[in-house]
Amino acid sequence: MSRQAEEQVKDGEPPQKRRKRSAWKIIQWFLIPLLLIAALGGGLVTGYVVMGKKEIADVFQWSTWRHVYDLVFAS
């Protein structure tokens, strides 16, 4: 038990409860990664569909990104 809690118990006062995390802190843990994933998806679609003039279905195929990887890191 902490010193402050011991002093409160001696004085006859109930110990203070720990503050709960604020709702905003919890929302940040889920909202920020969700927004990052949405930005990644939006960037992929914008770059591949709008600028590259390809079909949107090709953006989400593994073979497309494997081909891009091979082009970038070809030895």
PDB file of N, CA and C in Angstrom:
ATOM      1  N   MET A   1       0.859  -1.172   0.000  1.00  0.00           N
ATOM      2  CA  MET A   1       0.000   0.000   0.000  1.00  0.00           C
ATOM      3  C   MET A   1       0.902   1.231   0.000  1.00  0.00           C
ATOM      4  N   SER A   2       0.500   2.252  -0.711  1.00  0.00           N
ATOM      5  CA  SER A   2       1.329   3.446  -0.781  1.00  0.00           C
ATOM      6  C   SER A   2       1.222   4.238   0.513  1.00  0.00           C
ATOM      7  N   ARG A   3       2.154   5.136   0.660  1.00  0.00           N
ATOM      8  CA  ARG A   3       2.213   5.940   1.885  1.00  0.00           C
ATOM      9  C   ARG A   3       0.967   6.808   2.032  1.00  0.00           C
ATOM     10  N   GLN A   4       0.536   7.394   0.912  1.00  0.00           N
ATOM     11  CA  GLN A   4      -0.656   8.258   0.958  1.00  0.00           C
ATOM     12  C   GLN A   4      -1.897   7.441   1.335  1.00  0.00           C
ATOM     13  N   ALA A   5      -2.000   6.240   0.790  1.00  0.00           N
ATOM     14  CA  ALA A   5      -3.143   5.394   1.106  1.00  0.00           C
ATOM     15  C   ALA A   5      -3.122   4.989   2.575  1.00  0.00           C
ATOM     16  N   GLU A   6      -1.930   4.724   3.101  1.00  0.00           N
ATOM     17  CA  GLU A   6      -1.817   4.362   4.511  1.00  0.00           C
ATOM     18  C   GLU A   6      -2.245   5.511   5.412  1.00  0.00           C
ATOM     19  N   GLU A   7      -1.866   6.737   5.034  1.00  0.00           N
ATOM     20  CA  GLU A   7      -2.239   7.906   5.828  1.00  0.00           C
ATOM     21  C   GLU A   7      -3.750   8.113   5.808  1.00  0.00           C
ATOM     22  N   GLN A   8      -4.389   7.873   4.656  1.00  0.00           N
ATOM     23  CA  GLN A   8      -5.834   8.060   4.571  1.00  0.00           C
ATOM     24  C   GLN A   8      -6.568   7.004   5.390  1.00  0.00           C
ATOM     25  N   VAL A   9      -6.032   5.785   5.387  1.00  0.00           N
ATOM     26  CA  VAL A   9      -6.667   4.732   6.176  1.00  0.00           C
ATOM     27  C   VAL A   9      -6.553   5.067   7.659  1.00  0.00           C
ATOM     28  N   LYS A  10      -5.412   5.630   8.070  1.00  0.00           N
ATOM     29  CA  LYS A  10      -5.222   5.996   9.470  1.00  0.00           C
ATOM     30  C   LYS A  10      -6.184   7.103   9.876  1.00  0.00           C
ATOM     31  N   ASP A  11      -6.480   8.022   8.953  1.00  0.00           N
ATOM     32  CA  ASP A  11      -7.369   9.130   9.258  1.00  0.00           C
ATOM     33  C   ASP A  11      -8.839   8.725   9.223  1.00  0.00           C
ATOM     34  N   GLY A  12      -9.120   7.503   8.834  1.00  0.00           N
ATOM     35  CA  GLY A  12     -10.499   7.044   8.775  1.00  0.00           C
ATOM     36  C   GLY A  12     -11.163   7.341   7.443  1.00  0.00           C
ATOM     37  N   GLU A  13     -10.410   7.872   6.486  1.00  0.00           N
ATOM     38  CA  GLU A  13     -10.975   8.159   5.169  1.00  0.00           C
ATOM     39  C   GLU A  13     -10.735   6.956   4.260  1.00  0.00           C
ATOM     40  N   PRO A  14     -11.680   6.694   3.382  1.00  0.00           N
ATOM     41  CA  PRO A  14     -11.451   5.593   2.444  1.00  0.00           C
ATOM     42  C   PRO A  14     -10.367   5.991   1.441  1.00  0.00           C
ATOM     43  N   PRO A  15      -9.567   5.033   0.988  1.00  0.00           N
ATOM     44  CA  PRO A  15      -8.513   5.362   0.017  1.00  0.00           C
ATOM     45  C   PRO A  15      -9.127   5.817  -1.312  1.00  0.00           C
ATOM     46  N   GLN A  16      -8.431   6.741  -1.971  1.00  0.00           N
ATOM     47  CA  GLN A  16      -8.926   7.247  -3.247  1.00  0.00           C
ATOM     48  C   GLN A  16      -8.736   6.181  -4.319  1.00  0.00           C
ATOM     49  N   LYS A  17      -9.711   6.103  -5.202  1.00  0.00           N
ATOM     50  CA  LYS A  17      -9.615   5.159  -6.303  1.00  0.00           C
ATOM     51  C   LYS A  17      -8.726   5.764  -7.387  1.00  0.00           C
ATOM     52  N   ARG A  18      -8.060   4.900  -8.122  1.00  0.00           N
ATOM     53  CA  ARG A  18      -7.226   5.371  -9.225  1.00  0.00           C
ATOM     54  C   ARG A  18      -8.115   5.922 -10.323  1.00  0.00           C
ATOM     55  N   ARG A  19      -7.638   6.958 -10.976  1.00  0.00           N
ATOM     56  CA  ARG A  19      -8.409   7.562 -12.066  1.00  0.00           C
ATOM     57  C   ARG A  19      -8.461   6.601 -13.236  1.00  0.00           C
ATOM     58  N   LYS A  20      -9.619   6.506 -13.834  1.00  0.00           N
ATOM     59  CA  LYS A  20      -9.760   5.679 -15.021  1.00  0.00           C
ATOM     60  C   LYS A  20      -9.182   6.421 -16.211  1.00  0.00           C
ATOM     61  N   ARG A  21      -8.757   5.658 -17.203  1.00  0.00           N
ATOM     62  CA  ARG A  21      -8.254   6.284 -18.416  1.00  0.00           C
ATOM     63  C   ARG A  21      -9.392   7.036 -19.078  1.00  0.00           C
ATOM     64  N   SER A  22      -9.039   8.156 -19.622  1.00  0.00           N
ATOM     65  CA  SER A  22     -10.068   8.928 -20.287  1.00  0.00           C
ATOM     66  C   SER A  22     -10.496   8.220 -21.561  1.00  0.00           C
ATOM     67  N   ALA A  23     -11.699   8.463 -21.956  1.00  0.00           N
ATOM     68  CA  ALA A  23     -12.234   7.832 -23.162  1.00  0.00           C
ATOM     69  C   ALA A  23     -11.429   8.255 -24.382  1.00  0.00           C
ATOM     70  N   TRP A  24     -10.955   9.490 -24.407  1.00  0.00           N
ATOM     71  CA  TRP A  24     -10.182   9.969 -25.552  1.00  0.00           C
ATOM     72  C   TRP A  24      -8.893   9.174 -25.719  1.00  0.00           C
ATOM     73  N   LYS A  25      -8.248   8.794 -24.640  1.00  0.00           N
ATOM     74  CA  LYS A  25      -7.004   8.031 -24.710  1.00  0.00           C
ATOM     75  C   LYS A  25      -7.264   6.657 -25.324  1.00  0.00           C
ATOM     76  N   ILE A  26      -8.366   6.048 -24.957  1.00  0.00           N
ATOM     77  CA  ILE A  26      -8.718   4.738 -25.504  1.00  0.00           C
ATOM     78  C   ILE A  26      -9.089   4.863 -26.981  1.00  0.00           C
ATOM     79  N   ILE A  27      -9.829   5.898 -27.326  1.00  0.00           N
ATOM     80  CA  ILE A  27     -10.204   6.119 -28.721  1.00  0.00           C
ATOM     81  C   ILE A  27      -8.967   6.316 -29.574  1.00  0.00           C
ATOM     82  N   GLN A  28      -7.967   7.010 -29.066  1.00  0.00           N
ATOM     83  CA  GLN A  28      -6.739   7.252 -29.825  1.00  0.00           C
ATOM     84  C   GLN A  28      -6.041   5.942 -30.181  1.00  0.00           C
ATOM     85  N   TRP A  29      -6.078   4.983 -29.304  1.00  0.00           N
ATOM     86  CA  TRP A  29      -5.424   3.700 -29.566  1.00  0.00           C
ATOM     87  C   TRP A  29      -6.063   2.978 -30.740  1.00  0.00           C
ATOM     88  N   PHE A  30      -7.355   3.214 -30.977  1.00  0.00           N
ATOM     89  CA  PHE A  30      -8.032   2.555 -32.085  1.00  0.00           C
ATOM     90  C   PHE A  30      -8.206   3.471 -33.289  1.00  0.00           C
ATOM     91  N   LEU A  31      -8.419   4.752 -33.065  1.00  0.00           N
ATOM     92  CA  LEU A  31      -8.705   5.682 -34.147  1.00  0.00           C
ATOM     93  C   LEU A  31      -7.477   5.970 -34.999  1.00  0.00           C
ATOM     94  N   ILE A  32      -6.342   6.194 -34.381  1.00  0.00           N
ATOM     95  CA  ILE A  32      -5.138   6.542 -35.133  1.00  0.00           C
ATOM     96  C   ILE A  32      -4.698   5.402 -36.052  1.00  0.00           C
ATOM     97  N   PRO A  33      -4.585   4.160 -35.590  1.00  0.00           N
ATOM     98  CA  PRO A  33      -4.227   3.086 -36.530  1.00  0.00           C
ATOM     99  C   PRO A  33      -5.282   2.888 -37.627  1.00  0.00           C
ATOM    100  N   LEU A  34      -6.558   3.072 -37.289  1.00  0.00           N
ATOM    101  CA  LEU A  34      -7.607   2.944 -38.294  1.00  0.00           C
ATOM    102  C   LEU A  34      -7.471   4.018 -39.368  1.00  0.00           C
ATOM    103  N   LEU A  35      -7.169   5.238 -38.962  1.00  0.00           N
ATOM    104  CA  LEU A  35      -6.967   6.318 -39.927  1.00  0.00           C
ATOM    105  C   LEU A  35      -5.719   6.079 -40.772  1.00  0.00           C
ATOM    106  N   LEU A  36      -4.671   5.529 -40.188  1.00  0.00           N
ATOM    107  CA  LEU A  36      -3.468   5.212 -40.952  1.00  0.00           C
ATOM    108  C   LEU A  36      -3.729   4.149 -42.012  1.00  0.00           C
ATOM    109  N   ILE A  37      -4.505   3.137 -41.658  1.00  0.00           N
ATOM    110  CA  ILE A  37      -4.853   2.092 -42.623  1.00  0.00           C
ATOM    111  C   ILE A  37      -5.738   2.654 -43.729  1.00  0.00           C
ATOM    112  N   ALA A  38      -6.680   3.527 -43.362  1.00  0.00           N
ATOM    113  CA  ALA A  38      -7.539   4.162 -44.370  1.00  0.00           C
ATOM    114  C   ALA A  38      -6.714   5.047 -45.305  1.00  0.00           C
ATOM    115  N   ALA A  39      -5.735   5.756 -44.772  1.00  0.00           N
ATOM    116  CA  ALA A  39      -4.870   6.600 -45.604  1.00  0.00           C
ATOM    117  C   ALA A  39      -4.031   5.745 -46.549  1.00  0.00           C
ATOM    118  N   LEU A  40      -3.545   4.611 -46.067  1.00  0.00           N
ATOM    119  CA  LEU A  40      -2.783   3.705 -46.918  1.00  0.00           C
ATOM    120  C   LEU A  40      -3.648   3.185 -48.059  1.00  0.00           C
ATOM    121  N   GLY A  41      -4.860   2.735 -47.727  1.00  0.00           N
ATOM    122  CA  GLY A  41      -5.780   2.256 -48.762  1.00  0.00           C
ATOM    123  C   GLY A  41      -6.137   3.343 -49.757  1.00  0.00           C
ATOM    124  N   GLY A  42      -6.397   4.543 -49.259  1.00  0.00           N
ATOM    125  CA  GLY A  42      -6.710   5.663 -50.144  1.00  0.00           C
ATOM    126  C   GLY A  42      -5.549   6.015 -51.052  1.00  0.00           C
ATOM    127  N   GLY A  43      -4.344   5.956 -50.523  1.00  0.00           N
ATOM    128  CA  GLY A  43      -3.161   6.228 -51.326  1.00  0.00           C
ATOM    129  C   GLY A  43      -2.925   5.178 -52.390  1.00  0.00           C
ATOM    130  N   LEU A  44      -3.153   3.922 -52.035  1.00  0.00           N
ATOM    131  CA  LEU A  44      -3.008   2.847 -53.014  1.00  0.00           C
ATOM    132  C   LEU A  44      -4.003   3.002 -54.155  1.00  0.00           C
ATOM    133  N   VAL A  45      -5.245   3.268 -53.799  1.00  0.00           N
ATOM    134  CA  VAL A  45      -6.283   3.429 -54.817  1.00  0.00           C
ATOM    135  C   VAL A  45      -6.004   4.660 -55.671  1.00  0.00           C
ATOM    136  N   THR A  46      -5.639   5.768 -55.051  1.00  0.00           N
ATOM    137  CA  THR A  46      -5.362   6.992 -55.803  1.00  0.00           C
ATOM    138  C   THR A  46      -4.195   6.791 -56.757  1.00  0.00           C
ATOM    139  N   GLY A  47      -3.141   6.217 -56.277  1.00  0.00           N
ATOM    140  CA  GLY A  47      -1.963   6.029 -57.112  1.00  0.00           C
ATOM    141  C   GLY A  47      -2.161   5.029 -58.223  1.00  0.00           C
ATOM    142  N   TYR A  48      -2.832   3.924 -57.918  1.00  0.00           N
ATOM    143  CA  TYR A  48      -2.955   2.848 -58.897  1.00  0.00           C
ATOM    144  C   TYR A  48      -4.120   3.067 -59.856  1.00  0.00           C
ATOM    145  N   VAL A  49      -5.248   3.538 -59.346  1.00  0.00           N
ATOM    146  CA  VAL A  49      -6.449   3.674 -60.177  1.00  0.00           C
ATOM    147  C   VAL A  49      -6.482   5.027 -60.873  1.00  0.00           C
ATOM    148  N   VAL A  50      -6.316   6.107 -60.130  1.00  0.00           N
ATOM    149  CA  VAL A  50      -6.447   7.445 -60.710  1.00  0.00           C
ATOM    150  C   VAL A  50      -5.231   7.785 -61.564  1.00  0.00           C
ATOM    151  N   MET A  51      -4.058   7.631 -61.005  1.00  0.00           N
ATOM    152  CA  MET A  51      -2.852   8.017 -61.738  1.00  0.00           C
ATOM    153  C   MET A  51      -2.404   6.940 -62.724  1.00  0.00           C
ATOM    154  N   GLY A  52      -2.576   5.669 -62.360  1.00  0.00           N
ATOM    155  CA  GLY A  52      -2.110   4.580 -63.211  1.00  0.00           C
ATOM    156  C   GLY A  52      -3.125   4.091 -64.218  1.00  0.00           C
ATOM    157  N   LYS A  53      -4.363   4.562 -64.110  1.00  0.00           N
ATOM    158  CA  LYS A  53      -5.434   4.186 -65.047  1.00  0.00           C
ATOM    159  C   LYS A  53      -5.647   2.674 -65.110  1.00  0.00           C
ATOM    160  N   LYS A  54      -5.603   2.019 -63.962  1.00  0.00           N
ATOM    161  CA  LYS A  54      -5.845   0.575 -63.885  1.00  0.00           C
ATOM    162  C   LYS A  54      -7.151   0.334 -63.152  1.00  0.00           C
ATOM    163  N   GLU A  55      -7.577  -0.923 -63.110  1.00  0.00           N
ATOM    164  CA  GLU A  55      -8.825  -1.275 -62.422  1.00  0.00           C
ATOM    165  C   GLU A  55      -8.607  -1.349 -60.918  1.00  0.00           C
ATOM    166  N   ILE A  56      -9.654  -1.002 -60.171  1.00  0.00           N
ATOM    167  CA  ILE A  56      -9.551  -0.984 -58.707  1.00  0.00           C
ATOM    168  C   ILE A  56      -9.367  -2.392 -58.145  1.00  0.00           C
ATOM    169  N   ALA A  57      -9.871  -3.411 -58.825  1.00  0.00           N
ATOM    170  CA  ALA A  57      -9.729  -4.786 -58.334  1.00  0.00           C
ATOM    171  C   ALA A  57      -8.262  -5.215 -58.310  1.00  0.00           C
ATOM    172  N   ASP A  58      -7.456  -4.655 -59.209  1.00  0.00           N
ATOM    173  CA  ASP A  58      -6.037  -5.023 -59.255  1.00  0.00           C
ATOM    174  C   ASP A  58      -5.247  -4.503 -58.057  1.00  0.00           C
ATOM    175  N   VAL A  59      -5.748  -3.471 -57.418  1.00  0.00           N
ATOM    176  CA  VAL A  59      -5.041  -2.884 -56.280  1.00  0.00           C
ATOM    177  C   VAL A  59      -4.907  -3.884 -55.144  1.00  0.00           C
ATOM    178  N   PHE A  60      -5.900  -4.698 -54.940  1.00  0.00           N
ATOM    179  CA  PHE A  60      -5.939  -5.582 -53.777  1.00  0.00           C
ATOM    180  C   PHE A  60      -5.468  -7.001 -54.080  1.00  0.00           C
ATOM    181  N   GLN A  61      -4.838  -7.202 -55.234  1.00  0.00           N
ATOM    182  CA  GLN A  61      -4.296  -8.523 -55.563  1.00  0.00           C
ATOM    183  C   GLN A  61      -2.826  -8.586 -55.158  1.00  0.00           C
ATOM    184  N   TRP A  62      -2.440  -9.693 -54.545  1.00  0.00           N
ATOM    185  CA  TRP A  62      -1.070  -9.868 -54.070  1.00  0.00           C
ATOM    186  C   TRP A  62      -0.093  -9.882 -55.244  1.00  0.00           C
ATOM    187  N   SER A  63      -0.505 -10.454 -56.366  1.00  0.00           N
ATOM    188  CA  SER A  63       0.399 -10.564 -57.512  1.00  0.00           C
ATOM    189  C   SER A  63       0.811  -9.189 -58.052  1.00  0.00           C
ATOM    190  N   THR A  64      -0.081  -8.217 -57.955  1.00  0.00           N
ATOM    191  CA  THR A  64       0.241  -6.862 -58.414  1.00  0.00           C
ATOM    192  C   THR A  64       1.401  -6.282 -57.615  1.00  0.00           C
ATOM    193  N   TRP A  65       1.343  -6.392 -56.302  1.00  0.00           N
ATOM    194  CA  TRP A  65       2.363  -5.802 -55.442  1.00  0.00           C
ATOM    195  C   TRP A  65       3.636  -6.625 -55.438  1.00  0.00           C
ATOM    196  N   ARG A  66       3.509  -7.916 -55.699  1.00  0.00           N
ATOM    197  CA  ARG A  66       4.705  -8.756 -55.860  1.00  0.00           C
ATOM    198  C   ARG A  66       5.471  -8.306 -57.114  1.00  0.00           C
ATOM    199  N   HIS A  67       4.734  -8.020 -58.181  1.00  0.00           N
ATOM    200  CA  HIS A  67       5.341  -7.545 -59.422  1.00  0.00           C
ATOM    201  C   HIS A  67       6.021  -6.186 -59.198  1.00  0.00           C
ATOM    202  N   VAL A  68       5.362  -5.291 -58.475  1.00  0.00           N
ATOM    203  CA  VAL A  68       5.961  -3.981 -58.180  1.00  0.00           C
ATOM    204  C   VAL A  68       7.229  -4.163 -57.363  1.00  0.00           C
ATOM    205  N   TYR A  69       7.197  -5.036 -56.376  1.00  0.00           N
ATOM    206  CA  TYR A  69       8.375  -5.312 -55.544  1.00  0.00           C
ATOM    207  C   TYR A  69       9.527  -5.833 -56.408  1.00  0.00           C
ATOM    208  N   ASP A  70       9.195  -6.753 -57.312  1.00  0.00           N
ATOM    209  CA  ASP A  70      10.224  -7.314 -58.188  1.00  0.00           C
ATOM    210  C   ASP A  70      10.822  -6.242 -59.099  1.00  0.00           C
ATOM    211  N   LEU A  71      10.009  -5.319 -59.569  1.00  0.00           N
ATOM    212  CA  LEU A  71      10.521  -4.246 -60.416  1.00  0.00           C
ATOM    213  C   LEU A  71      11.451  -3.314 -59.639  1.00  0.00           C
ATOM    214  N   VAL A  72      11.081  -3.009 -58.408  1.00  0.00           N
ATOM    215  CA  VAL A  72      11.868  -2.068 -57.599  1.00  0.00           C
ATOM    216  C   VAL A  72      13.173  -2.697 -57.135  1.00  0.00           C
ATOM    217  N   PHE A  73      13.117  -3.924 -56.684  1.00  0.00           N
ATOM    218  CA  PHE A  73      14.290  -4.575 -56.089  1.00  0.00           C
ATOM    219  C   PHE A  73      14.900  -5.626 -57.001  1.00  0.00           C
ATOM    220  N   ALA A  74      14.768  -5.485 -58.300  1.00  0.00           N
ATOM    221  CA  ALA A  74      15.337  -6.454 -59.248  1.00  0.00           C
ATOM    222  C   ALA A  74      16.862  -6.412 -59.164  1.00  0.00           C
ATOM    223  N   SER A  75      17.460  -7.576 -59.242  1.00  0.00           N
ATOM    224  CA  SER A  75      18.924  -7.597 -59.169  1.00  0.00           C
ATOM    225  C   SER A  75      19.555  -8.022 -60.473  1.00  0.00           C
TER     226      SER A  75
END
